C-alpha atoms as a PDB file:
ATOM      1  CA  MET A   1      -9.650  11.898 -22.890  1.00  0.00           C
ATOM      2  CA  ARG A   2      -8.952   9.951 -19.738  1.00  0.00           C
ATOM      3  CA  HIS A   3      -6.255  11.385 -17.515  1.00  0.00           C
ATOM      4  CA  GLY A   4      -4.981   9.042 -14.824  1.00  0.00           C
ATOM      5  CA  PRO A   5      -7.530   7.671 -12.382  1.00  0.00           C
ATOM      6  CA  PHE A   6      -9.748  10.789 -12.523  1.00  0.00           C
ATOM      7  CA  PRO A   7     -11.302  11.173 -16.009  1.00  0.00           C
ATOM      8  CA  TYR A   8     -13.784  13.808 -14.863  1.00  0.00           C
ATOM      9  CA  ALA A   9     -11.195  16.267 -13.630  1.00  0.00           C
ATOM     10  CA  PRO A  10      -8.007  16.118 -15.754  1.00  0.00           C
ATOM     11  CA  ASP A  11      -6.580  19.280 -14.218  1.00  0.00           C
ATOM     12  CA  PHE A  12      -7.842  18.577 -10.735  1.00  0.00           C
ATOM     13  CA  PHE A  13      -4.516  17.792  -9.123  1.00  0.00           C
ATOM     14  CA  ARG A  14      -2.647  20.533 -10.976  1.00  0.00           C
ATOM     15  CA  ALA A  15      -4.248  23.197  -8.858  1.00  0.00           C
ATOM     16  CA  PRO A  16      -2.054  25.012  -6.352  1.00  0.00           C
ATOM     17  CA  LEU A  17      -2.492  23.908  -2.772  1.00  0.00           C
ATOM     18  CA  SER A  18      -3.523  20.418  -3.896  1.00  0.00           C
ATOM     19  CA  ASN A  19      -0.487  18.988  -2.168  1.00  0.00           C
ATOM     20  CA  PRO A  20      -0.766  19.755   1.547  1.00  0.00           C
ATOM     21  CA  VAL A  21       2.919  19.117   2.269  1.00  0.00           C
ATOM     22  CA  ARG A  22       4.361  21.827   0.045  1.00  0.00           C
ATOM     23  CA  TYR A  23       4.511  25.415   1.221  1.00  0.00           C
ATOM     24  CA  HIS A  24       4.912  28.388  -1.080  1.00  0.00           C
ATOM     25  CA  VAL A  25       6.963  31.403  -0.078  1.00  0.00           C
ATOM     26  CA  ILE A  26       4.868  34.546   0.160  1.00  0.00           C
ATOM     27  CA  SER A  27       6.480  37.946  -0.342  1.00  0.00           C
ATOM     28  CA  ASP A  28       9.659  38.241   1.728  1.00  0.00           C
ATOM     29  CA  MET A  29       8.734  35.621   4.289  1.00  0.00           C
ATOM     30  CA  PRO A  30      11.598  33.229   5.057  1.00  0.00           C
ATOM     31  CA  ALA A  31      11.314  29.912   3.265  1.00  0.00           C
ATOM     32  CA  ARG A  32       9.974  27.063   5.348  1.00  0.00           C
ATOM     33  CA  ARG A  33      11.330  23.562   5.204  1.00  0.00           C
ATOM     34  CA  VAL A  34       9.247  20.983   3.374  1.00  0.00           C
ATOM     35  CA  GLU A  35       7.802  18.614   5.956  1.00  0.00           C
ATOM     36  CA  GLN A  36       7.662  14.913   5.286  1.00  0.00           C
ATOM     37  CA  HIS A  37       5.057  12.971   7.242  1.00  0.00           C
ATOM     38  CA  TYR A  38       4.936   9.251   7.857  1.00  0.00           C
ATOM     39  CA  SER A  39       1.345   9.002   6.636  1.00  0.00           C
ATOM     40  CA  GLN A  40       2.437  10.097   3.150  1.00  0.00           C
ATOM     41  CA  ARG A  41       4.411   6.870   2.769  1.00  0.00           C
ATOM     42  CA  THR A  42       1.649   4.469   3.739  1.00  0.00           C
ATOM     43  CA  GLY A  43       0.325   3.967   0.190  1.00  0.00           C
ATOM     44  CA  TRP A  44       3.398   2.466  -1.428  1.00  0.00           C
ATOM     45  CA  LEU A  45       4.660   1.103   1.880  1.00  0.00           C
ATOM     46  CA  ARG A  46       1.513  -0.914   2.474  1.00  0.00           C
ATOM     47  CA  ALA A  47       1.696  -2.590  -0.940  1.00  0.00           C
ATOM     48  CA  ALA A  48       5.442  -3.228  -0.702  1.00  0.00           C
ATOM     49  CA  VAL A  49       5.395  -4.645   2.818  1.00  0.00           C
ATOM     50  CA  LEU A  50       2.278  -6.713   2.188  1.00  0.00           C
ATOM     51  CA  GLY A  51       3.746  -8.176  -0.993  1.00  0.00           C
ATOM     52  CA  ALA A  52       7.176  -9.010   0.425  1.00  0.00           C
ATOM     53  CA  ASN A  53       5.747 -10.329   3.681  1.00  0.00           C
ATOM     54  CA  ASP A  54       3.288 -12.588   1.880  1.00  0.00           C
ATOM     55  CA  GLY A  55       6.005 -13.748  -0.497  1.00  0.00           C
ATOM     56  CA  ILE A  56       8.310 -14.810   2.312  1.00  0.00           C
ATOM     57  CA  VAL A  57       5.683 -16.346   4.583  1.00  0.00           C
ATOM     58  CA  SER A  58       3.616 -18.230   2.017  1.00  0.00           C
ATOM     59  CA  THR A  59       6.545 -19.566  -0.003  1.00  0.00           C
ATOM     60  CA  ALA A  60       8.618 -20.461   3.054  1.00  0.00           C
ATOM     61  CA  ALA A  61       5.636 -22.211   4.625  1.00  0.00           C
ATOM     62  CA  LEU A  62       4.982 -24.108   1.401  1.00  0.00           C
ATOM     63  CA  VAL A  63       8.619 -25.166   1.062  1.00  0.00           C
ATOM     64  CA  VAL A  64       8.856 -26.190   4.722  1.00  0.00           C
ATOM     65  CA  GLY A  65       5.604 -28.147   4.509  1.00  0.00           C
ATOM     66  CA  VAL A  66       6.725 -30.069   1.435  1.00  0.00           C
ATOM     67  CA  ALA A  67      10.215 -30.603   2.877  1.00  0.00           C
ATOM     68  CA  ALA A  68       8.634 -32.036   6.016  1.00  0.00           C
ATOM     69  CA  ALA A  69       6.568 -34.408   3.886  1.00  0.00           C
ATOM     70  CA  THR A  70       9.220 -35.619   1.454  1.00  0.00           C
ATOM     71  CA  PRO A  71      13.002 -35.406   0.978  1.00  0.00           C
ATOM     72  CA  ASP A  72      12.546 -35.078  -2.794  1.00  0.00           C
ATOM     73  CA  ARG A  73      14.566 -31.986  -3.757  1.00  0.00           C
ATOM     74  CA  HIS A  74      12.730 -31.591  -7.062  1.00  0.00           C
ATOM     75  CA  ALA A  75       9.329 -31.609  -5.355  1.00  0.00           C
ATOM     76  CA  ILE A  76      10.478 -29.054  -2.783  1.00  0.00           C
ATOM     77  CA  LEU A  77      11.829 -26.610  -5.369  1.00  0.00           C
ATOM     78  CA  LEU A  78       8.901 -27.109  -7.741  1.00  0.00           C
ATOM     79  CA  ALA A  79       6.414 -26.393  -4.967  1.00  0.00           C
ATOM     80  CA  GLY A  80       8.284 -23.227  -4.007  1.00  0.00           C
ATOM     81  CA  LEU A  81       8.520 -21.990  -7.600  1.00  0.00           C
ATOM     82  CA  ALA A  82       4.853 -22.693  -8.294  1.00  0.00           C
ATOM     83  CA  GLY A  83       3.913 -20.928  -5.078  1.00  0.00           C
ATOM     84  CA  MET A  84       5.966 -17.882  -6.038  1.00  0.00           C
ATOM     85  CA  VAL A  85       4.369 -17.535  -9.480  1.00  0.00           C
ATOM     86  CA  ALA A  86       0.831 -18.223  -8.280  1.00  0.00           C
ATOM     87  CA  GLY A  87       1.188 -15.914  -5.301  1.00  0.00           C
ATOM     88  CA  ALA A  88       2.602 -13.038  -7.338  1.00  0.00           C
ATOM     89  CA  MET A  89      -0.252 -13.246  -9.833  1.00  0.00           C
ATOM     90  CA  SER A  90      -2.807 -13.504  -7.052  1.00  0.00           C
ATOM     91  CA  MET A  91      -1.380 -10.443  -5.313  1.00  0.00           C
ATOM     92  CA  ALA A  92      -1.355  -8.457  -8.554  1.00  0.00           C
ATOM     93  CA  ALA A  93      -4.935  -9.382  -9.411  1.00  0.00           C
ATOM     94  CA  GLY A  94      -6.237  -8.714  -5.922  1.00  0.00           C
ATOM     95  CA  GLU A  95      -4.484  -5.380  -5.598  1.00  0.00           C
ATOM     96  CA  TYR A  96      -5.591  -4.272  -9.066  1.00  0.00           C
ATOM     97  CA  VAL A  97      -9.231  -5.095  -8.376  1.00  0.00           C
ATOM     98  CA  SER A  98      -9.127  -3.448  -4.955  1.00  0.00           C
ATOM     99  CA  VAL A  99      -7.469  -0.228  -6.084  1.00  0.00           C
ATOM    100  CA  SER A 100      -9.563  -0.083  -9.273  1.00  0.00           C
ATOM    101  CA  SER A 101     -12.691  -0.202  -7.138  1.00  0.00           C
ATOM    102  CA  GLN A 102     -11.301   2.651  -5.068  1.00  0.00           C
ATOM    103  CA  ALA A 103     -10.541   4.633  -8.230  1.00  0.00           C
ATOM    104  CA  ASP A 104     -14.063   4.009  -9.545  1.00  0.00           C
ATOM    105  CA  THR A 105     -15.519   5.320  -6.298  1.00  0.00           C
ATOM    106  CA  GLU A 106     -13.314   8.408  -6.427  1.00  0.00           C
ATOM    107  CA  ASN A 107     -14.277   9.012 -10.061  1.00  0.00           C
ATOM    108  CA  ALA A 108     -17.962   8.740  -9.203  1.00  0.00           C
ATOM    109  CA  ASP A 109     -17.569  11.201  -6.330  1.00  0.00           C
ATOM    110  CA  LEU A 110     -15.715  13.673  -8.541  1.00  0.00           C
ATOM    111  CA  ALA A 111     -18.281  13.369 -11.313  1.00  0.00           C
ATOM    112  CA  ARG A 112     -21.117  13.999  -8.875  1.00  0.00           C
ATOM    113  CA  GLU A 113     -19.288  16.926  -7.324  1.00  0.00           C
ATOM    114  CA  ALA A 114     -18.603  18.449 -10.746  1.00  0.00           C
ATOM    115  CA  GLN A 115     -22.285  18.170 -11.627  1.00  0.00           C
ATOM    116  CA  GLU A 116     -23.349  19.773  -8.358  1.00  0.00           C
ATOM    117  CA  LEU A 117     -20.925  22.637  -8.945  1.00  0.00           C
ATOM    118  CA  ALA A 118     -22.475  23.195 -12.349  1.00  0.00           C
ATOM    119  CA  ASP A 119     -26.067  22.996 -11.079  1.00  0.00           C
ATOM    120  CA  TYR A 120     -25.805  24.618  -7.641  1.00  0.00           C
ATOM    121  CA  PRO A 121     -22.677  26.804  -7.494  1.00  0.00           C
ATOM    122  CA  ASP A 122     -23.978  28.996  -4.661  1.00  0.00           C
ATOM    123  CA  ASP A 123     -24.941  26.042  -2.490  1.00  0.00           C
ATOM    124  CA  GLU A 124     -21.565  24.446  -3.081  1.00  0.00           C
ATOM    125  CA  LEU A 125     -19.811  27.675  -2.137  1.00  0.00           C
ATOM    126  CA  ARG A 126     -21.735  27.799   1.143  1.00  0.00           C
ATOM    127  CA  GLU A 127     -20.921  24.166   1.736  1.00  0.00           C
ATOM    128  CA  LEU A 128     -17.228  24.912   1.319  1.00  0.00           C
ATOM    129  CA  GLN A 129     -17.577  27.910   3.623  1.00  0.00           C
ATOM    130  CA  ALA A 130     -19.189  25.715   6.282  1.00  0.00           C
ATOM    131  CA  ILE A 131     -16.252  23.319   6.094  1.00  0.00           C
ATOM    132  CA  TYR A 132     -13.786  26.123   6.794  1.00  0.00           C
ATOM    133  CA  MET A 133     -15.950  27.509   9.584  1.00  0.00           C
ATOM    134  CA  ALA A 134     -15.970  24.067  11.193  1.00  0.00           C
ATOM    135  CA  ARG A 135     -12.179  24.174  11.098  1.00  0.00           C
ATOM    136  CA  GLY A 136     -12.058  27.399  13.056  1.00  0.00           C
ATOM    137  CA  LEU A 137     -12.309  30.290  10.583  1.00  0.00           C
ATOM    138  CA  ASP A 138     -14.848  33.027  11.207  1.00  0.00           C
ATOM    139  CA  GLU A 139     -17.777  33.521   8.850  1.00  0.00           C
ATOM    140  CA  ALA A 140     -16.270  36.355   6.820  1.00  0.00           C
ATOM    141  CA  LEU A 141     -12.849  34.788   6.410  1.00  0.00           C
ATOM    142  CA  SER A 142     -14.237  31.349   5.612  1.00  0.00           C
ATOM    143  CA  LEU A 143     -16.378  32.869   2.850  1.00  0.00           C
ATOM    144  CA  GLN A 144     -13.382  34.728   1.460  1.00  0.00           C
ATOM    145  CA  VAL A 145     -11.264  31.574   1.437  1.00  0.00           C
ATOM    146  CA  ALA A 146     -14.051  29.581  -0.199  1.00  0.00           C
ATOM    147  CA  GLN A 147     -14.507  32.234  -2.884  1.00  0.00           C
ATOM    148  CA  GLN A 148     -10.811  32.472  -3.698  1.00  0.00           C
ATOM    149  CA  LEU A 149     -10.281  28.723  -3.870  1.00  0.00           C
ATOM    150  CA  SER A 150     -13.441  28.252  -5.919  1.00  0.00           C
ATOM    151  CA  ALA A 151     -12.366  30.951  -8.354  1.00  0.00           C
ATOM    152  CA  ARG A 152      -9.075  29.160  -8.908  1.00  0.00           C
ATOM    153  CA  ASN A 153     -10.350  25.564  -9.073  1.00  0.00           C
ATOM    154  CA  ALA A 154     -13.676  24.827  -7.422  1.00  0.00           C
ATOM    155  CA  LEU A 155     -13.606  21.087  -8.057  1.00  0.00           C
ATOM    156  CA  ALA A 156     -10.114  20.773  -6.594  1.00  0.00           C
ATOM    157  CA  ALA A 157     -11.187  22.645  -3.475  1.00  0.00           C
ATOM    158  CA  HIS A 158     -14.236  20.432  -2.923  1.00  0.00           C
ATOM    159  CA  ALA A 159     -12.366  17.236  -3.746  1.00  0.00           C
ATOM    160  CA  ARG A 160      -9.609  18.094  -1.314  1.00  0.00           C
ATOM    161  CA  ASP A 161     -11.564  19.611   1.563  1.00  0.00           C
ATOM    162  CA  GLU A 162     -14.942  17.884   1.238  1.00  0.00           C
ATOM    163  CA  LEU A 163     -14.039  14.478  -0.187  1.00  0.00           C
ATOM    164  CA  GLY A 164     -10.499  14.221   1.182  1.00  0.00           C
ATOM    165  CA  LEU A 165      -8.945  13.383  -2.188  1.00  0.00           C
ATOM    166  CA  VAL A 166      -5.386  14.568  -2.742  1.00  0.00           C
ATOM    167  CA  ASP A 167      -2.816  13.621  -5.363  1.00  0.00           C
ATOM    168  CA  ILE A 168      -0.509  11.801  -2.967  1.00  0.00           C
ATOM    169  CA  HIS A 169      -3.312   9.382  -2.061  1.00  0.00           C
ATOM    170  CA  ALA A 170      -4.792   9.004  -5.557  1.00  0.00           C
ATOM    171  CA  ALA A 171      -5.658   5.426  -6.496  1.00  0.00           C
ATOM    172  CA  ARG A 172      -3.312   3.953  -9.129  1.00  0.00           C
ATOM    173  CA  PRO A 173      -4.327   0.343  -9.895  1.00  0.00           C
ATOM    174  CA  ILE A 174      -1.486  -0.585 -12.272  1.00  0.00           C
ATOM    175  CA  GLN A 175       1.162   0.811  -9.953  1.00  0.00           C
ATOM    176  CA  ALA A 176      -0.299  -0.994  -6.949  1.00  0.00           C
ATOM    177  CA  ALA A 177      -0.611  -4.300  -8.829  1.00  0.00           C
ATOM    178  CA  PHE A 178       2.967  -4.149 -10.089  1.00  0.00           C
ATOM    179  CA  ALA A 179       4.300  -3.229  -6.654  1.00  0.00           C
ATOM    180  CA  SER A 180       2.459  -6.099  -4.983  1.00  0.00           C
ATOM    181  CA  ALA A 181       3.484  -8.695  -7.568  1.00  0.00           C
ATOM    182  CA  SER A 182       7.127  -7.647  -7.735  1.00  0.00           C
ATOM    183  CA  THR A 183       7.585  -7.401  -3.978  1.00  0.00           C
ATOM    184  CA  PHE A 184       5.871 -10.765  -3.519  1.00  0.00           C
ATOM    185  CA  ALA A 185       8.265 -12.346  -6.022  1.00  0.00           C
ATOM    186  CA  ILE A 186      11.262 -10.733  -4.324  1.00  0.00           C
ATOM    187  CA  GLY A 187      10.110 -11.976  -0.940  1.00  0.00           C
ATOM    188  CA  ALA A 188       9.370 -15.457  -2.275  1.00  0.00           C
ATOM    189  CA  ALA A 189      12.839 -15.668  -3.795  1.00  0.00           C
ATOM    190  CA  VAL A 190      14.383 -15.680  -0.301  1.00  0.00           C
ATOM    191  CA  PRO A 191      13.078 -19.064   0.924  1.00  0.00           C
ATOM    192  CA  LEU A 192      13.295 -20.467  -2.595  1.00  0.00           C
ATOM    193  CA  ALA A 193      16.985 -19.567  -2.824  1.00  0.00           C
ATOM    194  CA  ALA A 194      17.599 -20.980   0.645  1.00  0.00           C
ATOM    195  CA  ALA A 195      15.994 -24.269  -0.378  1.00  0.00           C
ATOM    196  CA  PHE A 196      18.013 -24.363  -3.591  1.00  0.00           C
ATOM    197  CA  LEU A 197      21.339 -23.780  -1.830  1.00  0.00           C
ATOM    198  CA  THR A 198      20.922 -26.390   0.900  1.00  0.00           C
ATOM    199  CA  ARG A 199      20.446 -30.136   1.070  1.00  0.00           C
ATOM    200  CA  PRO A 200      16.880 -31.454   1.419  1.00  0.00           C
ATOM    201  CA  ALA A 201      17.711 -32.809   4.869  1.00  0.00           C
ATOM    202  CA  ASN A 202      18.536 -29.285   6.048  1.00  0.00           C
ATOM    203  CA  ALA A 203      15.820 -27.493   4.091  1.00  0.00           C
ATOM    204  CA  ILE A 204      13.422 -26.998   6.998  1.00  0.00           C
ATOM    205  CA  THR A 205      16.007 -25.421   9.286  1.00  0.00           C
ATOM    206  CA  THR A 206      17.748 -23.336   6.618  1.00  0.00           C
ATOM    207  CA  VAL A 207      14.564 -22.013   5.042  1.00  0.00           C
ATOM    208  CA  SER A 208      12.957 -21.267   8.404  1.00  0.00           C
ATOM    209  CA  VAL A 209      15.935 -19.392   9.857  1.00  0.00           C
ATOM    210  CA  THR A 210      16.597 -17.436   6.661  1.00  0.00           C
ATOM    211  CA  SER A 211      12.950 -16.495   6.251  1.00  0.00           C
ATOM    212  CA  LEU A 212      12.483 -15.417   9.864  1.00  0.00           C
ATOM    213  CA  ILE A 213      15.590 -13.227   9.736  1.00  0.00           C
ATOM    214  CA  CYS A 214      14.299 -11.560   6.580  1.00  0.00           C
ATOM    215  CA  LEU A 215      10.839 -11.143   8.097  1.00  0.00           C
ATOM    216  CA  ALA A 216      12.281  -9.501  11.198  1.00  0.00           C
ATOM    217  CA  SER A 217      14.384  -7.165   9.059  1.00  0.00           C
ATOM    218  CA  LEU A 218      11.405  -6.317   6.875  1.00  0.00           C
ATOM    219  CA  GLY A 219       9.234  -5.606   9.895  1.00  0.00           C
ATOM    220  CA  ALA A 220      11.887  -3.352  11.415  1.00  0.00           C
ATOM    221  CA  ILE A 221      12.380  -1.434   8.166  1.00  0.00           C
ATOM    222  CA  ALA A 222       8.636  -0.953   7.736  1.00  0.00           C
ATOM    223  CA  ALA A 223       8.357   0.255  11.325  1.00  0.00           C
ATOM    224  CA  GLN A 224      11.201   2.724  10.872  1.00  0.00           C
ATOM    225  CA  VAL A 225       9.725   4.155   7.676  1.00  0.00           C
ATOM    226  CA  GLY A 226       6.322   4.376   9.346  1.00  0.00           C
ATOM    227  CA  GLY A 227       7.655   5.961  12.526  1.00  0.00           C
ATOM    228  CA  ALA A 228       6.756   3.017  14.773  1.00  0.00           C
ATOM    229  CA  SER A 229       8.756   0.864  17.180  1.00  0.00           C
ATOM    230  CA  LEU A 230      11.393  -1.232  15.397  1.00  0.00           C
ATOM    231  CA  LEU A 231      11.165  -4.050  17.929  1.00  0.00           C
ATOM    232  CA  ARG A 232       7.386  -4.193  17.778  1.00  0.00           C
ATOM    233  CA  GLY A 233       7.417  -4.203  13.993  1.00  0.00           C
ATOM    234  CA  ALA A 234       9.988  -6.997  13.862  1.00  0.00           C
ATOM    235  CA  LEU A 235       8.255  -9.148  16.476  1.00  0.00           C
ATOM    236  CA  ARG A 236       4.855  -8.732  14.870  1.00  0.00           C
ATOM    237  CA  VAL A 237       5.782 -10.251  11.509  1.00  0.00           C
ATOM    238  CA  THR A 238       8.183 -12.785  13.020  1.00  0.00           C
ATOM    239  CA  PHE A 239       5.446 -14.183  15.253  1.00  0.00           C
ATOM    240  CA  TRP A 240       3.071 -14.828  12.377  1.00  0.00           C
ATOM    241  CA  GLY A 241       5.859 -16.179  10.208  1.00  0.00           C
ATOM    242  CA  THR A 242       6.886 -18.630  12.917  1.00  0.00           C
ATOM    243  CA  LEU A 243       3.286 -19.741  13.370  1.00  0.00           C
ATOM    244  CA  ALA A 244       2.828 -20.336   9.638  1.00  0.00           C
ATOM    245  CA  LEU A 245       6.058 -22.315   9.357  1.00  0.00           C
ATOM    246  CA  ALA A 246       5.251 -24.436  12.405  1.00  0.00           C
ATOM    247  CA  LEU A 247       1.755 -25.292  11.193  1.00  0.00           C
ATOM    248  CA  THR A 248       2.801 -26.265   7.669  1.00  0.00           C
ATOM    249  CA  ALA A 249       5.722 -28.300   9.000  1.00  0.00           C
ATOM    250  CA  ALA A 250       3.304 -30.147  11.284  1.00  0.00           C
ATOM    251  CA  VAL A 251       0.943 -30.829   8.392  1.00  0.00           C
ATOM    252  CA  GLY A 252       3.832 -32.076   6.269  1.00  0.00           C
ATOM    253  CA  LYS A 253       5.032 -34.392   9.014  1.00  0.00           C
ATOM    254  CA  LEU A 254       1.532 -35.674   9.684  1.00  0.00           C
ATOM    255  CA  PHE A 255       0.522 -36.430   6.104  1.00  0.00           C
ATOM    256  CA  GLY A 256       3.928 -36.810   4.471  1.00  0.00           C
ATOM    257  CA  ALA A 257       5.579 -39.844   3.018  1.00  0.00           C
ATOM    258  CA  THR A 258       7.270 -42.322   5.306  1.00  0.00           C
ATOM    259  CA  VAL A 259      10.951 -42.676   4.449  1.00  0.00           C
END
């Protein structure tokens, strides 16, 4: 039976210590706070920010380009709607293929590691010991740690410490595809709504200003969640959004209909 993205190790991530950000209280030691690190958020954050950013930029640029070419309200809205649907599907397909490839690679690594554990258990134990020695443990202690972790779940220990696979970073293609498509659609709805609520003569200005404000806010939020500079995050996405809008507006003006 297939379990999640790792069919070769259904109980792999159920092993204790598989989540490096949870600490277990030992004996009468005082409980430690659970630490939350910025890097733990990068998986979902990357897909969400990428989707919303692409939705705003691509749809706004498309709407602005068409609005610069023609004052036809129907053409402007139709182009924006088509861009939103096409972009969301493209994001979903691309993310699914990308993350599925990652999951396939992880599955292959786990399958190979499981086979090596079955064929060469002693060699794999020494390999695990060498990893802990390289991290600063002495020979005796590193062997003891390797033996205890291997006795509990050898594949989990090797996957975590040799391959770097942990549950929080596990590849989930469906989740990533849905996140990318939905956030793209949400982002695309911003310039589309702005175009719908304004007159065609004001579409370029309204869509551009609305989209750039949303891009700056999105960049600042992403920077805050990721522990980076809010100003840098806002300026980074705003710059590229402005460039995209300017270029498509220029193309629309250059090749558009003469009114």
